[in-house]
Amino acid sequence: MSYIETLQSTIRGLHGVESKHIGSVPVKEVYEGKTMWEGVVEVFELEGHPSAPKAYAWMHNTGDPRSPGRHVTVLHTPPIASPEMAVRAALLQEYENRDTAEKG
């Protein structure tokens, strides 16, 4: 299974719809001069999703040798309107999850 097919499978599993790959967008997210994430976001057109025409997806390295990567998908729904915004939203969610886990 190719990388794109793997992401499509993830989209199908999480969102219950088929998708068509429509492009790849390089994204570099920098905060206060530090690169927070850099990679390529794959853009997919969704077929029959009730609220999102597109999804953004990529592989995120975890740093855990037992599970070195995980797939990230973000739907194109307000306020998410670009691959860059999808990466920012995913980073924010990851930060909030980590912060909650440390407090719990």
PDB file of N, CA and C in Angstrom:
ATOM      1  N   MET A   1       0.845  -1.173   0.000  1.00  0.00           N
ATOM      2  CA  MET A   1       0.000   0.000   0.000  1.00  0.00           C
ATOM      3  C   MET A   1       0.895   1.243   0.000  1.00  0.00           C
ATOM      4  N   SER A   2       0.629   2.179  -0.897  1.00  0.00           N
ATOM      5  CA  SER A   2       1.428   3.401  -0.983  1.00  0.00           C
ATOM      6  C   SER A   2       1.096   4.339   0.185  1.00  0.00           C
ATOM      7  N   TYR A   3       1.920   5.346   0.358  1.00  0.00           N
ATOM      8  CA  TYR A   3       1.716   6.355   1.392  1.00  0.00           C
ATOM      9  C   TYR A   3       0.349   7.022   1.219  1.00  0.00           C
ATOM     10  N   ILE A   4       0.016   7.429   0.002  1.00  0.00           N
ATOM     11  CA  ILE A   4      -1.262   8.087  -0.278  1.00  0.00           C
ATOM     12  C   ILE A   4      -2.418   7.129   0.025  1.00  0.00           C
ATOM     13  N   GLU A   5      -2.297   5.868  -0.388  1.00  0.00           N
ATOM     14  CA  GLU A   5      -3.343   4.885  -0.109  1.00  0.00           C
ATOM     15  C   GLU A   5      -3.519   4.661   1.393  1.00  0.00           C
ATOM     16  N   THR A   6      -2.414   4.691   2.129  1.00  0.00           N
ATOM     17  CA  THR A   6      -2.477   4.543   3.584  1.00  0.00           C
ATOM     18  C   THR A   6      -3.234   5.714   4.204  1.00  0.00           C
ATOM     19  N   LEU A   7      -2.954   6.920   3.727  1.00  0.00           N
ATOM     20  CA  LEU A   7      -3.676   8.084   4.240  1.00  0.00           C
ATOM     21  C   LEU A   7      -5.155   8.017   3.870  1.00  0.00           C
ATOM     22  N   GLN A   8      -5.451   7.558   2.645  1.00  0.00           N
ATOM     23  CA  GLN A   8      -6.851   7.403   2.234  1.00  0.00           C
ATOM     24  C   GLN A   8      -7.563   6.377   3.110  1.00  0.00           C
ATOM     25  N   SER A   9      -6.884   5.317   3.466  1.00  0.00           N
ATOM     26  CA  SER A   9      -7.450   4.304   4.349  1.00  0.00           C
ATOM     27  C   SER A   9      -7.740   4.896   5.728  1.00  0.00           C
ATOM     28  N   THR A  10      -6.842   5.735   6.203  1.00  0.00           N
ATOM     29  CA  THR A  10      -7.035   6.403   7.489  1.00  0.00           C
ATOM     30  C   THR A  10      -8.252   7.323   7.427  1.00  0.00           C
ATOM     31  N   ILE A  11      -8.369   8.099   6.348  1.00  0.00           N
ATOM     32  CA  ILE A  11      -9.522   8.986   6.167  1.00  0.00           C
ATOM     33  C   ILE A  11     -10.816   8.167   6.136  1.00  0.00           C
ATOM     34  N   ARG A  12     -10.802   7.067   5.399  1.00  0.00           N
ATOM     35  CA  ARG A  12     -11.976   6.197   5.302  1.00  0.00           C
ATOM     36  C   ARG A  12     -12.364   5.667   6.689  1.00  0.00           C
ATOM     37  N   GLY A  13     -11.366   5.226   7.448  1.00  0.00           N
ATOM     38  CA  GLY A  13     -11.629   4.670   8.771  1.00  0.00           C
ATOM     39  C   GLY A  13     -12.129   5.700   9.770  1.00  0.00           C
ATOM     40  N   LEU A  14     -11.566   6.894   9.735  1.00  0.00           N
ATOM     41  CA  LEU A  14     -11.946   7.922  10.702  1.00  0.00           C
ATOM     42  C   LEU A  14     -13.211   8.678  10.323  1.00  0.00           C
ATOM     43  N   HIS A  15     -13.398   8.914   9.029  1.00  0.00           N
ATOM     44  CA  HIS A  15     -14.475   9.801   8.597  1.00  0.00           C
ATOM     45  C   HIS A  15     -15.545   9.110   7.756  1.00  0.00           C
ATOM     46  N   GLY A  16     -15.328   7.843   7.403  1.00  0.00           N
ATOM     47  CA  GLY A  16     -16.349   7.056   6.731  1.00  0.00           C
ATOM     48  C   GLY A  16     -16.655   7.443   5.292  1.00  0.00           C
ATOM     49  N   VAL A  17     -15.681   8.094   4.623  1.00  0.00           N
ATOM     50  CA  VAL A  17     -15.902   8.491   3.229  1.00  0.00           C
ATOM     51  C   VAL A  17     -14.675   8.159   2.387  1.00  0.00           C
ATOM     52  N   GLU A  18     -14.904   8.072   1.084  1.00  0.00           N
ATOM     53  CA  GLU A  18     -13.803   7.886   0.146  1.00  0.00           C
ATOM     54  C   GLU A  18     -13.173   9.247  -0.145  1.00  0.00           C
ATOM     55  N   SER A  19     -11.956   9.220  -0.669  1.00  0.00           N
ATOM     56  CA  SER A  19     -11.260  10.468  -0.954  1.00  0.00           C
ATOM     57  C   SER A  19     -10.428  10.347  -2.219  1.00  0.00           C
ATOM     58  N   LYS A  20     -10.157  11.498  -2.799  1.00  0.00           N
ATOM     59  CA  LYS A  20      -9.324  11.582  -3.996  1.00  0.00           C
ATOM     60  C   LYS A  20      -8.171  12.536  -3.695  1.00  0.00           C
ATOM     61  N   HIS A  21      -6.943  12.053  -3.909  1.00  0.00           N
ATOM     62  CA  HIS A  21      -5.772  12.894  -3.661  1.00  0.00           C
ATOM     63  C   HIS A  21      -5.718  13.998  -4.711  1.00  0.00           C
ATOM     64  N   ILE A  22      -5.637  15.253  -4.267  1.00  0.00           N
ATOM     65  CA  ILE A  22      -5.608  16.372  -5.216  1.00  0.00           C
ATOM     66  C   ILE A  22      -4.337  17.208  -5.145  1.00  0.00           C
ATOM     67  N   GLY A  23      -3.454  16.916  -4.189  1.00  0.00           N
ATOM     68  CA  GLY A  23      -2.210  17.669  -4.168  1.00  0.00           C
ATOM     69  C   GLY A  23      -1.393  17.462  -2.914  1.00  0.00           C
ATOM     70  N   SER A  24      -0.163  17.978  -2.992  1.00  0.00           N
ATOM     71  CA  SER A  24       0.777  17.921  -1.875  1.00  0.00           C
ATOM     72  C   SER A  24       1.304  19.326  -1.637  1.00  0.00           C
ATOM     73  N   VAL A  25       1.309  19.751  -0.370  1.00  0.00           N
ATOM     74  CA  VAL A  25       1.711  21.115  -0.037  1.00  0.00           C
ATOM     75  C   VAL A  25       2.794  21.071   1.040  1.00  0.00           C
ATOM     76  N   PRO A  26       3.997  21.599   0.732  1.00  0.00           N
ATOM     77  CA  PRO A  26       5.016  21.680   1.776  1.00  0.00           C
ATOM     78  C   PRO A  26       4.624  22.747   2.801  1.00  0.00           C
ATOM     79  N   VAL A  27       4.772  22.401   4.083  1.00  0.00           N
ATOM     80  CA  VAL A  27       4.409  23.316   5.160  1.00  0.00           C
ATOM     81  C   VAL A  27       5.547  23.349   6.170  1.00  0.00           C
ATOM     82  N   LYS A  28       5.870  24.561   6.599  1.00  0.00           N
ATOM     83  CA  LYS A  28       6.848  24.740   7.676  1.00  0.00           C
ATOM     84  C   LYS A  28       6.209  25.669   8.692  1.00  0.00           C
ATOM     85  N   GLU A  29       5.981  25.167   9.877  1.00  0.00           N
ATOM     86  CA  GLU A  29       5.349  25.950  10.932  1.00  0.00           C
ATOM     87  C   GLU A  29       6.429  26.396  11.915  1.00  0.00           C
ATOM     88  N   VAL A  30       6.596  27.717  12.019  1.00  0.00           N
ATOM     89  CA  VAL A  30       7.621  28.309  12.874  1.00  0.00           C
ATOM     90  C   VAL A  30       6.943  29.132  13.954  1.00  0.00           C
ATOM     91  N   TYR A  31       7.410  28.974  15.184  1.00  0.00           N
ATOM     92  CA  TYR A  31       6.877  29.756  16.306  1.00  0.00           C
ATOM     93  C   TYR A  31       8.052  30.317  17.085  1.00  0.00           C
ATOM     94  N   GLU A  32       8.067  31.626  17.228  1.00  0.00           N
ATOM     95  CA  GLU A  32       9.143  32.329  17.930  1.00  0.00           C
ATOM     96  C   GLU A  32      10.513  31.892  17.441  1.00  0.00           C
ATOM     97  N   GLY A  33      10.652  31.780  16.125  1.00  0.00           N
ATOM     98  CA  GLY A  33      11.931  31.450  15.511  1.00  0.00           C
ATOM     99  C   GLY A  33      12.303  29.985  15.519  1.00  0.00           C
ATOM    100  N   LYS A  34      11.479  29.149  16.112  1.00  0.00           N
ATOM    101  CA  LYS A  34      11.766  27.713  16.201  1.00  0.00           C
ATOM    102  C   LYS A  34      10.823  26.947  15.275  1.00  0.00           C
ATOM    103  N   THR A  35      11.390  26.029  14.486  1.00  0.00           N
ATOM    104  CA  THR A  35      10.566  25.194  13.622  1.00  0.00           C
ATOM    105  C   THR A  35       9.830  24.162  14.479  1.00  0.00           C
ATOM    106  N   MET A  36       8.502  24.265  14.476  1.00  0.00           N
ATOM    107  CA  MET A  36       7.679  23.357  15.267  1.00  0.00           C
ATOM    108  C   MET A  36       7.330  22.092  14.484  1.00  0.00           C
ATOM    109  N   TRP A  37       7.181  22.252  13.166  1.00  0.00           N
ATOM    110  CA  TRP A  37       6.862  21.118  12.298  1.00  0.00           C
ATOM    111  C   TRP A  37       7.216  21.496  10.877  1.00  0.00           C
ATOM    112  N   GLU A  38       7.760  20.530  10.142  1.00  0.00           N
ATOM    113  CA  GLU A  38       8.058  20.742   8.731  1.00  0.00           C
ATOM    114  C   GLU A  38       7.805  19.436   7.992  1.00  0.00           C
ATOM    115  N   GLY A  39       7.059  19.525   6.915  1.00  0.00           N
ATOM    116  CA  GLY A  39       6.758  18.331   6.149  1.00  0.00           C
ATOM    117  C   GLY A  39       5.822  18.641   5.003  1.00  0.00           C
ATOM    118  N   VAL A  40       5.250  17.592   4.454  1.00  0.00           N
ATOM    119  CA  VAL A  40       4.331  17.731   3.326  1.00  0.00           C
ATOM    120  C   VAL A  40       2.948  17.292   3.768  1.00  0.00           C
ATOM    121  N   VAL A  41       1.976  18.157   3.542  1.00  0.00           N
ATOM    122  CA  VAL A  41       0.577  17.855   3.853  1.00  0.00           C
ATOM    123  C   VAL A  41      -0.099  17.427   2.558  1.00  0.00           C
ATOM    124  N   GLU A  42      -0.749  16.276   2.606  1.00  0.00           N
ATOM    125  CA  GLU A  42      -1.482  15.775   1.447  1.00  0.00           C
ATOM    126  C   GLU A  42      -2.914  16.290   1.523  1.00  0.00           C
ATOM    127  N   VAL A  43      -3.421  16.749   0.388  1.00  0.00           N
ATOM    128  CA  VAL A  43      -4.770  17.310   0.331  1.00  0.00           C
ATOM    129  C   VAL A  43      -5.667  16.332  -0.422  1.00  0.00           C
ATOM    130  N   PHE A  44      -6.826  16.046   0.175  1.00  0.00           N
ATOM    131  CA  PHE A  44      -7.772  15.095  -0.402  1.00  0.00           C
ATOM    132  C   PHE A  44      -9.139  15.746  -0.547  1.00  0.00           C
ATOM    133  N   GLU A  45      -9.783  15.467  -1.665  1.00  0.00           N
ATOM    134  CA  GLU A  45     -11.181  15.853  -1.863  1.00  0.00           C
ATOM    135  C   GLU A  45     -12.022  14.713  -1.298  1.00  0.00           C
ATOM    136  N   LEU A  46     -13.009  15.055  -0.478  1.00  0.00           N
ATOM    137  CA  LEU A  46     -13.848  14.036   0.143  1.00  0.00           C
ATOM    138  C   LEU A  46     -15.111  13.819  -0.670  1.00  0.00           C
ATOM    139  N   GLU A  47     -15.524  12.559  -0.749  1.00  0.00           N
ATOM    140  CA  GLU A  47     -16.725  12.189  -1.496  1.00  0.00           C
ATOM    141  C   GLU A  47     -17.861  11.894  -0.520  1.00  0.00           C
ATOM    142  N   GLY A  48     -18.816  12.818  -0.425  1.00  0.00           N
ATOM    143  CA  GLY A  48     -19.996  12.569   0.378  1.00  0.00           C
ATOM    144  C   GLY A  48     -19.889  12.889   1.854  1.00  0.00           C
ATOM    145  N   HIS A  49     -18.881  13.626   2.269  1.00  0.00           N
ATOM    146  CA  HIS A  49     -18.815  14.003   3.681  1.00  0.00           C
ATOM    147  C   HIS A  49     -19.866  15.072   3.953  1.00  0.00           C
ATOM    148  N   PRO A  50     -20.591  14.971   5.060  1.00  0.00           N
ATOM    149  CA  PRO A  50     -21.689  15.906   5.313  1.00  0.00           C
ATOM    150  C   PRO A  50     -21.275  17.352   5.578  1.00  0.00           C
ATOM    151  N   SER A  51     -20.035  17.595   6.032  1.00  0.00           N
ATOM    152  CA  SER A  51     -19.672  18.970   6.380  1.00  0.00           C
ATOM    153  C   SER A  51     -18.323  19.437   5.843  1.00  0.00           C
ATOM    154  N   ALA A  52     -17.538  18.559   5.266  1.00  0.00           N
ATOM    155  CA  ALA A  52     -16.200  18.954   4.810  1.00  0.00           C
ATOM    156  C   ALA A  52     -15.963  18.542   3.360  1.00  0.00           C
ATOM    157  N   PRO A  53     -15.567  19.485   2.509  1.00  0.00           N
ATOM    158  CA  PRO A  53     -15.271  19.147   1.125  1.00  0.00           C
ATOM    159  C   PRO A  53     -13.889  18.519   0.947  1.00  0.00           C
ATOM    160  N   LYS A  54     -12.990  18.798   1.903  1.00  0.00           N
ATOM    161  CA  LYS A  54     -11.606  18.318   1.806  1.00  0.00           C
ATOM    162  C   LYS A  54     -11.104  17.858   3.166  1.00  0.00           C
ATOM    163  N   ALA A  55      -9.985  17.128   3.114  1.00  0.00           N
ATOM    164  CA  ALA A  55      -9.261  16.748   4.325  1.00  0.00           C
ATOM    165  C   ALA A  55      -7.779  16.931   4.057  1.00  0.00           C
ATOM    166  N   TYR A  56      -7.050  17.218   5.111  1.00  0.00           N
ATOM    167  CA  TYR A  56      -5.596  17.339   5.058  1.00  0.00           C
ATOM    168  C   TYR A  56      -5.036  16.187   5.877  1.00  0.00           C
ATOM    169  N   ALA A  57      -3.983  15.536   5.369  1.00  0.00           N
ATOM    170  CA  ALA A  57      -3.453  14.372   6.074  1.00  0.00           C
ATOM    171  C   ALA A  57      -1.939  14.284   5.908  1.00  0.00           C
ATOM    172  N   TRP A  58      -1.291  13.723   6.918  1.00  0.00           N
ATOM    173  CA  TRP A  58       0.148  13.526   6.876  1.00  0.00           C
ATOM    174  C   TRP A  58       0.543  12.517   7.944  1.00  0.00           C
ATOM    175  N   MET A  59       1.795  12.098   7.882  1.00  0.00           N
ATOM    176  CA  MET A  59       2.367  11.191   8.872  1.00  0.00           C
ATOM    177  C   MET A  59       3.150  12.045   9.854  1.00  0.00           C
ATOM    178  N   HIS A  60       2.958  11.789  11.130  1.00  0.00           N
ATOM    179  CA  HIS A  60       3.629  12.544  12.187  1.00  0.00           C
ATOM    180  C   HIS A  60       4.566  11.595  12.930  1.00  0.00           C
ATOM    181  N   ASN A  61       5.839  11.933  12.991  1.00  0.00           N
ATOM    182  CA  ASN A  61       6.790  11.101  13.729  1.00  0.00           C
ATOM    183  C   ASN A  61       6.577  11.288  15.220  1.00  0.00           C
ATOM    184  N   THR A  62       6.506  10.178  15.950  1.00  0.00           N
ATOM    185  CA  THR A  62       6.231  10.239  17.382  1.00  0.00           C
ATOM    186  C   THR A  62       7.494  10.236  18.236  1.00  0.00           C
ATOM    187  N   GLY A  63       8.601   9.741  17.675  1.00  0.00           N
ATOM    188  CA  GLY A  63       9.808   9.609  18.470  1.00  0.00           C
ATOM    189  C   GLY A  63       9.812   8.344  19.322  1.00  0.00           C
ATOM    190  N   ASP A  64       8.761   7.551  19.246  1.00  0.00           N
ATOM    191  CA  ASP A  64       8.632   6.303  20.003  1.00  0.00           C
ATOM    192  C   ASP A  64       9.006   5.147  19.079  1.00  0.00           C
ATOM    193  N   PRO A  65      10.112   4.427  19.372  1.00  0.00           N
ATOM    194  CA  PRO A  65      10.525   3.341  18.480  1.00  0.00           C
ATOM    195  C   PRO A  65       9.500   2.207  18.355  1.00  0.00           C
ATOM    196  N   ARG A  66       8.635   2.028  19.352  1.00  0.00           N
ATOM    197  CA  ARG A  66       7.606   0.989  19.288  1.00  0.00           C
ATOM    198  C   ARG A  66       6.483   1.378  18.337  1.00  0.00           C
ATOM    199  N   SER A  67       6.246   2.673  18.204  1.00  0.00           N
ATOM    200  CA  SER A  67       5.215   3.194  17.309  1.00  0.00           C
ATOM    201  C   SER A  67       5.748   4.490  16.711  1.00  0.00           C
ATOM    202  N   PRO A  68       6.619   4.385  15.680  1.00  0.00           N
ATOM    203  CA  PRO A  68       7.367   5.544  15.207  1.00  0.00           C
ATOM    204  C   PRO A  68       6.565   6.620  14.488  1.00  0.00           C
ATOM    205  N   GLY A  69       5.361   6.294  14.041  1.00  0.00           N
ATOM    206  CA  GLY A  69       4.592   7.308  13.336  1.00  0.00           C
ATOM    207  C   GLY A  69       3.112   7.127  13.523  1.00  0.00           C
ATOM    208  N   ARG A  70       2.396   8.223  13.380  1.00  0.00           N
ATOM    209  CA  ARG A  70       0.943   8.138  13.403  1.00  0.00           C
ATOM    210  C   ARG A  70       0.411   9.035  12.303  1.00  0.00           C
ATOM    211  N   HIS A  71      -0.764   8.693  11.824  1.00  0.00           N
ATOM    212  CA  HIS A  71      -1.378   9.469  10.759  1.00  0.00           C
ATOM    213  C   HIS A  71      -2.252  10.549  11.369  1.00  0.00           C
ATOM    214  N   VAL A  72      -2.175  11.730  10.791  1.00  0.00           N
ATOM    215  CA  VAL A  72      -2.962  12.868  11.249  1.00  0.00           C
ATOM    216  C   VAL A  72      -3.897  13.264  10.115  1.00  0.00           C
ATOM    217  N   THR A  73      -5.170  13.456  10.427  1.00  0.00           N
ATOM    218  CA  THR A  73      -6.118  13.986   9.453  1.00  0.00           C
ATOM    219  C   THR A  73      -6.862  15.154  10.084  1.00  0.00           C
ATOM    220  N   VAL A  74      -7.064  16.190   9.289  1.00  0.00           N
ATOM    221  CA  VAL A  74      -7.797  17.367   9.742  1.00  0.00           C
ATOM    222  C   VAL A  74      -8.788  17.726   8.642  1.00  0.00           C
ATOM    223  N   LEU A  75     -10.051  17.877   9.021  1.00  0.00           N
ATOM    224  CA  LEU A  75     -11.068  18.229   8.039  1.00  0.00           C
ATOM    225  C   LEU A  75     -11.033  19.714   7.694  1.00  0.00           C
ATOM    226  N   HIS A  76     -11.362  20.018   6.447  1.00  0.00           N
ATOM    227  CA  HIS A  76     -11.456  21.389   5.960  1.00  0.00           C
ATOM    228  C   HIS A  76     -12.835  21.928   6.349  1.00  0.00           C
ATOM    229  N   THR A  77     -12.946  22.356   7.606  1.00  0.00           N
ATOM    230  CA  THR A  77     -14.166  22.975   8.126  1.00  0.00           C
ATOM    231  C   THR A  77     -13.741  24.205   8.919  1.00  0.00           C
ATOM    232  N   PRO A  78     -14.581  25.246   8.949  1.00  0.00           N
ATOM    233  CA  PRO A  78     -14.195  26.478   9.643  1.00  0.00           C
ATOM    234  C   PRO A  78     -13.745  26.192  11.066  1.00  0.00           C
ATOM    235  N   PRO A  79     -12.643  26.773  11.489  1.00  0.00           N
ATOM    236  CA  PRO A  79     -11.837  27.788  10.820  1.00  0.00           C
ATOM    237  C   PRO A  79     -10.705  27.225   9.960  1.00  0.00           C
ATOM    238  N   ILE A  80     -10.633  25.904   9.788  1.00  0.00           N
ATOM    239  CA  ILE A  80      -9.552  25.288   9.013  1.00  0.00           C
ATOM    240  C   ILE A  80      -9.833  25.469   7.524  1.00  0.00           C
ATOM    241  N   ALA A  81      -8.957  26.244   6.841  1.00  0.00           N
ATOM    242  CA  ALA A  81      -9.180  26.546   5.425  1.00  0.00           C
ATOM    243  C   ALA A  81      -7.938  26.353   4.569  1.00  0.00           C
ATOM    244  N   SER A  82      -6.879  25.734   5.155  1.00  0.00           N
ATOM    245  CA  SER A  82      -5.643  25.530   4.391  1.00  0.00           C
ATOM    246  C   SER A  82      -4.805  24.448   5.063  1.00  0.00           C
ATOM    247  N   PRO A  83      -3.828  23.911   4.331  1.00  0.00           N
ATOM    248  CA  PRO A  83      -2.918  22.938   4.950  1.00  0.00           C
ATOM    249  C   PRO A  83      -2.161  23.534   6.139  1.00  0.00           C
ATOM    250  N   GLU A  84      -1.771  24.800   6.028  1.00  0.00           N
ATOM    251  CA  GLU A  84      -1.044  25.446   7.126  1.00  0.00           C
ATOM    252  C   GLU A  84      -1.897  25.530   8.384  1.00  0.00           C
ATOM    253  N   MET A  85      -3.165  25.890   8.200  1.00  0.00           N
ATOM    254  CA  MET A  85      -4.074  25.969   9.349  1.00  0.00           C
ATOM    255  C   MET A  85      -4.324  24.589   9.950  1.00  0.00           C
ATOM    256  N   ALA A  86      -4.352  23.567   9.108  1.00  0.00           N
ATOM    257  CA  ALA A  86      -4.534  22.199   9.597  1.00  0.00           C
ATOM    258  C   ALA A  86      -3.366  21.782  10.480  1.00  0.00           C
ATOM    259  N   VAL A  87      -2.157  22.111  10.060  1.00  0.00           N
ATOM    260  CA  VAL A  87      -0.972  21.785  10.867  1.00  0.00           C
ATOM    261  C   VAL A  87      -1.021  22.529  12.193  1.00  0.00           C
ATOM    262  N   ARG A  88      -1.355  23.819  12.163  1.00  0.00           N
ATOM    263  CA  ARG A  88      -1.444  24.600  13.409  1.00  0.00           C
ATOM    264  C   ARG A  88      -2.474  23.982  14.367  1.00  0.00           C
ATOM    265  N   ALA A  89      -3.622  23.604  13.829  1.00  0.00           N
ATOM    266  CA  ALA A  89      -4.668  23.007  14.663  1.00  0.00           C
ATOM    267  C   ALA A  89      -4.202  21.694  15.275  1.00  0.00           C
ATOM    268  N   ALA A  90      -3.519  20.870  14.491  1.00  0.00           N
ATOM    269  CA  ALA A  90      -3.028  19.588  14.995  1.00  0.00           C
ATOM    270  C   ALA A  90      -1.962  19.791  16.070  1.00  0.00           C
ATOM    271  N   LEU A  91      -1.065  20.765  15.854  1.00  0.00           N
ATOM    272  CA  LEU A  91      -0.036  21.053  16.857  1.00  0.00           C
ATOM    273  C   LEU A  91      -0.655  21.554  18.153  1.00  0.00           C
ATOM    274  N   LEU A  92      -1.649  22.423  18.032  1.00  0.00           N
ATOM    275  CA  LEU A  92      -2.331  22.944  19.216  1.00  0.00           C
ATOM    276  C   LEU A  92      -3.027  21.812  19.968  1.00  0.00           C
ATOM    277  N   GLN A  93      -3.708  20.935  19.247  1.00  0.00           N
ATOM    278  CA  GLN A  93      -4.389  19.797  19.880  1.00  0.00           C
ATOM    279  C   GLN A  93      -3.390  18.896  20.595  1.00  0.00           C
ATOM    280  N   GLU A  94      -2.260  18.638  19.941  1.00  0.00           N
ATOM    281  CA  GLU A  94      -1.222  17.801  20.553  1.00  0.00           C
ATOM    282  C   GLU A  94      -0.693  18.440  21.830  1.00  0.00           C
ATOM    283  N   TYR A  95      -0.462  19.750  21.793  1.00  0.00           N
ATOM    284  CA  TYR A  95       0.030  20.467  22.963  1.00  0.00           C
ATOM    285  C   TYR A  95      -0.993  20.398  24.101  1.00  0.00           C
ATOM    286  N   GLU A  96      -2.268  20.632  23.765  1.00  0.00           N
ATOM    287  CA  GLU A  96      -3.320  20.584  24.795  1.00  0.00           C
ATOM    288  C   GLU A  96      -3.456  19.189  25.380  1.00  0.00           C
ATOM    289  N   ASN A  97      -3.357  18.148  24.556  1.00  0.00           N
ATOM    290  CA  ASN A  97      -3.428  16.768  25.047  1.00  0.00           C
ATOM    291  C   ASN A  97      -2.274  16.459  25.982  1.00  0.00           C
ATOM    292  N   ARG A  98      -1.075  16.908  25.603  1.00  0.00           N
ATOM    293  CA  ARG A  98       0.111  16.676  26.434  1.00  0.00           C
ATOM    294  C   ARG A  98      -0.026  17.416  27.764  1.00  0.00           C
ATOM    295  N   ASP A  99      -0.499  18.666  27.712  1.00  0.00           N
ATOM    296  CA  ASP A  99      -0.667  19.483  28.911  1.00  0.00           C
ATOM    297  C   ASP A  99      -1.693  18.843  29.848  1.00  0.00           C
ATOM    298  N   THR A 100      -2.792  18.345  29.301  1.00  0.00           N
ATOM    299  CA  THR A 100      -3.829  17.688  30.102  1.00  0.00           C
ATOM    300  C   THR A 100      -3.292  16.405  30.735  1.00  0.00           C
ATOM    301  N   ALA A 101      -2.528  15.627  29.977  1.00  0.00           N
ATOM    302  CA  ALA A 101      -1.966  14.374  30.493  1.00  0.00           C
ATOM    303  C   ALA A 101      -0.990  14.649  31.631  1.00  0.00           C
ATOM    304  N   GLU A 102      -0.197  15.720  31.512  1.00  0.00           N
ATOM    305  CA  GLU A 102       0.764  16.054  32.572  1.00  0.00           C
ATOM    306  C   GLU A 102       0.065  16.518  33.841  1.00  0.00           C
ATOM    307  N   LYS A 103      -1.073  17.184  33.696  1.00  0.00           N
ATOM    308  CA  LYS A 103      -1.824  17.670  34.865  1.00  0.00           C
ATOM    309  C   LYS A 103      -2.636  16.558  35.522  1.00  0.00           C
ATOM    310  N   GLY A 104      -2.996  15.535  34.703  1.00  0.00           N
ATOM    311  CA  GLY A 104      -3.858  14.463  35.191  1.00  0.00           C
ATOM    312  C   GLY A 104      -3.100  13.478  35.970  1.00  0.00           C
TER     313      GLY A 104
END
